[in-house]
C-alpha atoms as a PDB file:
ATOM      1  CA  LEU A   1       8.780   6.921   5.419  1.00  0.00           C
ATOM      2  CA  PHE A   2       9.710   4.815   8.161  1.00  0.00           C
ATOM      3  CA  LEU A   3      12.547   5.885  10.515  1.00  0.00           C
ATOM      4  CA  PRO A   4      16.205   4.314  10.219  1.00  0.00           C
ATOM      5  CA  LEU A   5      15.555   2.890  13.718  1.00  0.00           C
ATOM      6  CA  ILE A   6      13.062   0.559  12.311  1.00  0.00           C
ATOM      7  CA  LEU A   7      16.215  -1.114  10.626  1.00  0.00           C
ATOM      8  CA  LEU A   8      17.408  -2.048  13.960  1.00  0.00           C
ATOM      9  CA  TYR A   9      13.958  -3.728  14.801  1.00  0.00           C
ATOM     10  CA  GLY A  10      13.847  -5.720  11.545  1.00  0.00           C
ATOM     11  CA  GLY A  11      16.748  -8.019  13.141  1.00  0.00           C
ATOM     12  CA  CYS A  12      14.651  -8.350  16.050  1.00  0.00           C
ATOM     13  CA  MET A  13      11.583  -9.143  14.433  1.00  0.00           C
ATOM     14  CA  ALA A  14      10.025 -12.537  14.485  1.00  0.00           C
ATOM     15  CA  LYS A  15      10.197 -14.371  11.197  1.00  0.00           C
ATOM     16  CA  TYR A  16       6.534 -15.824   9.756  1.00  0.00           C
ATOM     17  CA  PRO A  17       6.647 -18.070   6.910  1.00  0.00           C
ATOM     18  CA  ASN A  18       5.286 -16.145   3.702  1.00  0.00           C
ATOM     19  CA  ARG A  19       1.765 -17.314   2.838  1.00  0.00           C
ATOM     20  CA  ASN A  20      -1.177 -16.176   0.352  1.00  0.00           C
ATOM     21  CA  PRO A  21      -4.063 -15.063   2.370  1.00  0.00           C
ATOM     22  CA  MET A  22      -6.679 -15.177  -0.748  1.00  0.00           C
ATOM     23  CA  GLY A  23     -10.289 -15.436   0.031  1.00  0.00           C
ATOM     24  CA  GLU A  24      -9.577 -15.144   3.880  1.00  0.00           C
ATOM     25  CA  PRO A  25     -10.980 -12.165   6.027  1.00  0.00           C
ATOM     26  CA  PHE A  26      -8.148  -9.542   7.279  1.00  0.00           C
ATOM     27  CA  PRO A  27      -7.295 -10.034  10.735  1.00  0.00           C
ATOM     28  CA  THR A  28      -8.917  -7.559  13.201  1.00  0.00           C
ATOM     29  CA  ALA A  29      -6.129  -5.022  14.380  1.00  0.00           C
ATOM     30  CA  THR A  30      -6.099  -1.671  16.117  1.00  0.00           C
ATOM     31  CA  GLY A  31      -3.703   0.833  15.174  1.00  0.00           C
ATOM     32  CA  GLU A  32      -3.463   4.653  15.186  1.00  0.00           C
ATOM     33  CA  ASN A  33      -3.361   6.853  11.801  1.00  0.00           C
ATOM     34  CA  LEU A  34      -1.029   9.843  11.838  1.00  0.00           C
ATOM     35  CA  ASP A  35      -3.980  12.079  12.604  1.00  0.00           C
ATOM     36  CA  LYS A  36      -3.567  10.280  16.119  1.00  0.00           C
ATOM     37  CA  LYS A  37      -7.164   8.509  15.718  1.00  0.00           C
ATOM     38  CA  SER A  38      -7.676   5.141  16.450  1.00  0.00           C
ATOM     39  CA  VAL A  39      -8.507   2.697  13.578  1.00  0.00           C
ATOM     40  CA  GLU A  40      -9.628  -0.719  13.555  1.00  0.00           C
ATOM     41  CA  LEU A  41      -8.631  -2.744  10.528  1.00  0.00           C
ATOM     42  CA  PRO A  42     -10.585  -3.916   8.647  1.00  0.00           C
ATOM     43  CA  THR A  43     -13.733  -2.407   9.988  1.00  0.00           C
ATOM     44  CA  ALA A  44     -13.079   1.219   9.526  1.00  0.00           C
ATOM     45  CA  TYR A  45     -12.791   0.354   5.487  1.00  0.00           C
ATOM     46  CA  LEU A  46     -15.672  -2.088   5.228  1.00  0.00           C
ATOM     47  CA  GLY A  47     -18.712  -1.170   2.634  1.00  0.00           C
ATOM     48  CA  GLU A  48     -16.452  -0.718  -0.445  1.00  0.00           C
ATOM     49  CA  PRO A  49     -13.212  -2.219  -1.796  1.00  0.00           C
ATOM     50  CA  ALA A  50      -9.870  -1.153   0.234  1.00  0.00           C
ATOM     51  CA  LEU A  51      -6.273  -1.715  -0.620  1.00  0.00           C
ATOM     52  CA  TYR A  52      -3.896  -2.387   2.058  1.00  0.00           C
ATOM     53  CA  MET A  53      -0.232  -1.618   1.676  1.00  0.00           C
ATOM     54  CA  VAL A  54       1.712  -3.262   4.240  1.00  0.00           C
ATOM     55  CA  GLY A  55       5.477  -2.812   5.103  1.00  0.00           C
ATOM     56  CA  TYR A  56       7.477  -4.390   7.914  1.00  0.00           C
ATOM     57  CA  VAL A  57      10.865  -2.557   7.419  1.00  0.00           C
ATOM     58  CA  GLN A  58      12.058   0.825   6.513  1.00  0.00           C
ATOM     59  CA  ASN A  59      13.336  -0.428   3.287  1.00  0.00           C
ATOM     60  CA  SER A  60       9.821  -1.671   1.975  1.00  0.00           C
ATOM     61  CA  GLN A  61       8.823   1.765   1.568  1.00  0.00           C
ATOM     62  CA  PHE A  62      10.836   1.887  -1.858  1.00  0.00           C
ATOM     63  CA  ASP A  63       8.561  -0.936  -3.110  1.00  0.00           C
ATOM     64  CA  LEU A  64       5.291   0.613  -1.683  1.00  0.00           C
ATOM     65  CA  ASP A  65       6.270   4.264  -3.251  1.00  0.00           C
ATOM     66  CA  ARG A  66       6.485   2.654  -6.598  1.00  0.00           C
ATOM     67  CA  TRP A  67       3.125   1.195  -6.040  1.00  0.00           C
ATOM     68  CA  ALA A  68       1.684   4.291  -4.873  1.00  0.00           C
ATOM     69  CA  ILE A  69       2.948   6.170  -7.828  1.00  0.00           C
ATOM     70  CA  GLY A  70       1.674   3.399 -10.297  1.00  0.00           C
ATOM     71  CA  LEU A  71      -1.740   3.648  -8.370  1.00  0.00           C
ATOM     72  CA  ASN A  72      -2.078   7.299  -8.958  1.00  0.00           C
ATOM     73  CA  GLN A  73      -0.916   7.095 -12.530  1.00  0.00           C
ATOM     74  CA  VAL A  74      -3.713   4.561 -13.523  1.00  0.00           C
ATOM     75  CA  GLU A  75      -6.486   6.682 -11.225  1.00  0.00           C
ATOM     76  CA  PHE A  76      -7.028   3.640  -9.082  1.00  0.00           C
ATOM     77  CA  SER A  77     -10.572   3.402  -7.994  1.00  0.00           C
ATOM     78  CA  ALA A  78     -10.391   1.958  -4.464  1.00  0.00           C
ATOM     79  CA  GLN A  79      -9.484   3.377  -1.044  1.00  0.00           C
ATOM     80  CA  VAL A  80      -5.773   3.123  -0.150  1.00  0.00           C
ATOM     81  CA  VAL A  81      -4.661   2.602   3.164  1.00  0.00           C
ATOM     82  CA  GLU A  82      -0.784   2.182   4.137  1.00  0.00           C
ATOM     83  CA  VAL A  83      -0.181   0.070   7.070  1.00  0.00           C
ATOM     84  CA  PRO A  84       3.426   0.173   8.486  1.00  0.00           C
ATOM     85  CA  THR A  85       3.316  -3.147  10.604  1.00  0.00           C
ATOM     86  CA  ILE A  86       5.938  -3.488  13.260  1.00  0.00           C
ATOM     87  CA  PRO A  87       5.570  -6.613  15.390  1.00  0.00           C
ATOM     88  CA  GLY A  88       7.566  -6.772  18.627  1.00  0.00           C
ATOM     89  CA  MET A  89       7.401  -5.069  22.298  1.00  0.00           C
ATOM     90  CA  PHE A  90      10.829  -3.149  21.590  1.00  0.00           C
ATOM     91  CA  PRO A  91       9.488  -1.041  18.745  1.00  0.00           C
ATOM     92  CA  SER A  92       6.224  -0.349  20.650  1.00  0.00           C
ATOM     93  CA  MET A  93       8.424   1.564  23.015  1.00  0.00           C
ATOM     94  CA  PHE A  94       9.302   3.950  20.219  1.00  0.00           C
ATOM     95  CA  LYS A  95       5.901   4.428  18.792  1.00  0.00           C
ATOM     96  CA  GLY A  96       5.740   8.112  19.097  1.00  0.00           C
ATOM     97  CA  VAL A  97       9.462   8.492  17.922  1.00  0.00           C
ATOM     98  CA  ILE A  98       8.443   6.499  14.785  1.00  0.00           C
ATOM     99  CA  ASP A  99       5.213   7.924  13.840  1.00  0.00           C
ATOM    100  CA  ASN A 100       6.560  11.671  14.356  1.00  0.00           C
ATOM    101  CA  GLY A 101       9.197  10.538  11.797  1.00  0.00           C
ATOM    102  CA  MET A 102       6.535   9.406   9.492  1.00  0.00           C
ATOM    103  CA  ARG A 103       4.532  12.575   9.965  1.00  0.00           C
ATOM    104  CA  SER A 104       7.662  14.677   8.852  1.00  0.00           C
ATOM    105  CA  GLY A 105       8.043  12.746   5.639  1.00  0.00           C
ATOM    106  CA  ILE A 106       4.258  12.808   4.597  1.00  0.00           C
ATOM    107  CA  PRO A 107       2.059  15.465   3.815  1.00  0.00           C
ATOM    108  CA  SER A 108      -0.553  16.189   6.387  1.00  0.00           C
ATOM    109  CA  GLU A 109      -3.236  15.492   3.789  1.00  0.00           C
ATOM    110  CA  ASP A 110      -2.288  11.958   3.733  1.00  0.00           C
ATOM    111  CA  TRP A 111      -2.107  11.096   7.428  1.00  0.00           C
ATOM    112  CA  ALA A 112      -5.356   9.609   7.927  1.00  0.00           C
ATOM    113  CA  ALA A 113      -4.590   7.057   5.136  1.00  0.00           C
ATOM    114  CA  VAL A 114      -1.532   5.758   7.106  1.00  0.00           C
ATOM    115  CA  VAL A 115      -2.366   3.344   9.992  1.00  0.00           C
ATOM    116  CA  THR A 116       0.524   2.092  12.141  1.00  0.00           C
ATOM    117  CA  LEU A 117       0.493  -1.362  13.686  1.00  0.00           C
ATOM    118  CA  TYR A 118       2.523  -2.185  16.587  1.00  0.00           C
ATOM    119  CA  GLY A 119       3.470  -5.185  18.736  1.00  0.00           C
ATOM    120  CA  LYS A 120       0.376  -7.316  19.516  1.00  0.00           C
ATOM    121  CA  GLN A 121      -1.533  -5.481  17.218  1.00  0.00           C
ATOM    122  CA  ALA A 122       0.998  -6.024  14.325  1.00  0.00           C
ATOM    123  CA  LYS A 123       1.532  -9.777  15.000  1.00  0.00           C
ATOM    124  CA  PRO A 124      -1.644 -11.094  13.517  1.00  0.00           C
ATOM    125  CA  VAL A 125      -1.161  -9.132  10.211  1.00  0.00           C
ATOM    126  CA  ALA A 126       2.391 -10.408  10.236  1.00  0.00           C
ATOM    127  CA  GLN A 127       1.203 -13.948  10.634  1.00  0.00           C
ATOM    128  CA  PHE A 128      -1.254 -13.359   8.005  1.00  0.00           C
ATOM    129  CA  THR A 129       1.096 -12.469   5.224  1.00  0.00           C
ATOM    130  CA  GLY A 130       4.246 -13.845   6.414  1.00  0.00           C
ATOM    131  CA  THR A 131       7.320 -11.640   7.129  1.00  0.00           C
ATOM    132  CA  GLU A 132       9.960 -13.507   5.006  1.00  0.00           C
ATOM    133  CA  ASN A 133      11.641 -11.015   2.650  1.00  0.00           C
ATOM    134  CA  PRO A 134      10.405  -7.992   4.454  1.00  0.00           C
ATOM    135  CA  ARG A 135      11.835  -5.570   1.819  1.00  0.00           C
ATOM    136  CA  ASN A 136       8.829  -6.417  -0.444  1.00  0.00           C
ATOM    137  CA  GLY A 137       5.359  -4.543   0.423  1.00  0.00           C
ATOM    138  CA  ARG A 138       2.373  -6.674   0.802  1.00  0.00           C
ATOM    139  CA  LEU A 139      -0.278  -5.539  -1.302  1.00  0.00           C
ATOM    140  CA  LEU A 140      -4.016  -6.634  -0.094  1.00  0.00           C
ATOM    141  CA  LEU A 141      -7.214  -5.817  -2.144  1.00  0.00           C
ATOM    142  CA  LEU A 142     -10.195  -6.522   0.147  1.00  0.00           C
ATOM    143  CA  ASP A 143     -13.578  -6.630  -0.972  1.00  0.00           C
ATOM    144  CA  SER A 144     -16.585  -4.442   1.001  1.00  0.00           C
ATOM    145  CA  LYS A 145     -16.716  -7.234   3.719  1.00  0.00           C
ATOM    146  CA  GLY A 146     -12.804  -7.341   4.430  1.00  0.00           C
ATOM    147  CA  SER A 147     -11.669 -10.424   2.627  1.00  0.00           C
ATOM    148  CA  VAL A 148      -8.863 -10.478   0.521  1.00  0.00           C
ATOM    149  CA  GLN A 149      -9.487 -10.907  -3.088  1.00  0.00           C
ATOM    150  CA  TRP A 150      -6.144 -10.070  -4.455  1.00  0.00           C
ATOM    151  CA  PHE A 151      -2.248 -10.321  -2.863  1.00  0.00           C
ATOM    152  CA  TRP A 152       0.888  -9.682  -3.859  1.00  0.00           C
ATOM    153  CA  ASP A 153       4.410  -9.722  -2.264  1.00  0.00           C
ATOM    154  CA  GLN A 154       6.839 -10.082  -4.930  1.00  0.00           C
ATOM    155  CA  GLY A 155       7.585  -6.373  -5.540  1.00  0.00           C
ATOM    156  CA  PHE A 156       6.278  -3.632  -7.913  1.00  0.00           C
ATOM    157  CA  SER A 157       5.056  -5.137 -11.195  1.00  0.00           C
ATOM    158  CA  ALA A 158       3.386  -3.004 -13.794  1.00  0.00           C
ATOM    159  CA  LYS A 159       1.395  -6.152 -15.133  1.00  0.00           C
ATOM    160  CA  ARG A 160       0.244  -6.659 -11.719  1.00  0.00           C
ATOM    161  CA  LEU A 161      -0.947  -3.107 -11.203  1.00  0.00           C
ATOM    162  CA  MET A 162      -3.174  -3.295 -14.225  1.00  0.00           C
ATOM    163  CA  GLU A 163      -4.690  -6.847 -12.937  1.00  0.00           C
ATOM    164  CA  LEU A 164      -5.062  -4.964  -9.446  1.00  0.00           C
ATOM    165  CA  LYS A 165      -6.970  -2.020 -11.043  1.00  0.00           C
ATOM    166  CA  LYS A 166      -9.324  -3.837 -13.167  1.00  0.00           C
ATOM    167  CA  LEU A 167     -10.273  -6.001 -10.113  1.00  0.00           C
ATOM    168  CA  ALA A 168     -10.703  -2.964  -7.927  1.00  0.00           C
ATOM    169  CA  GLU A 169     -12.862  -1.405 -10.503  1.00  0.00           C
ATOM    170  CA  LYS A 170     -14.994  -4.631 -10.901  1.00  0.00           C
ATOM    171  CA  LEU A 171     -15.140  -5.084  -6.656  1.00  0.00           C
ATOM    172  CA  GLY A 172     -16.240  -1.411  -6.832  1.00  0.00           C
ATOM    173  CA  GLN A 173     -19.333  -2.212  -9.147  1.00  0.00           C
ATOM    174  CA  ASP A 174     -20.855  -5.117  -7.005  1.00  0.00           C
END
């Protein structure tokens, strides 16, 4: 999903210690989806549970793709938003190139569910989850009010997928 250029940016990315943000509200950040529409997180998805799949480097796409396939197979009930998050000023200068690269690898029907965060908008999210071991995606299940109810950053796990599915169903009934 990401362009090879992001690999170069990974080395320049500030390192934030990993942390588990369970129970905390997701930080406000404004990005643009691949349909070129401004999206404010978490505001745009309040009112029902939402799963944010955050990736910091191109290589995290492999992990996020495994999660996406699993979510599809278990007929995941909550809305899913992929959030490529690229802190730093240098990547922000190539935002158009990076987003166009993502568009070329994603069907247009899915563009609205991919919200990219760059630079100062990406930093609060990076600090919220941490960026150590950036190849692993960060999965955050938010409740209808935008608070993190489930978090995972240790790579795809079928056991955790089923745990996530059950919690999303429960949150959807509340």
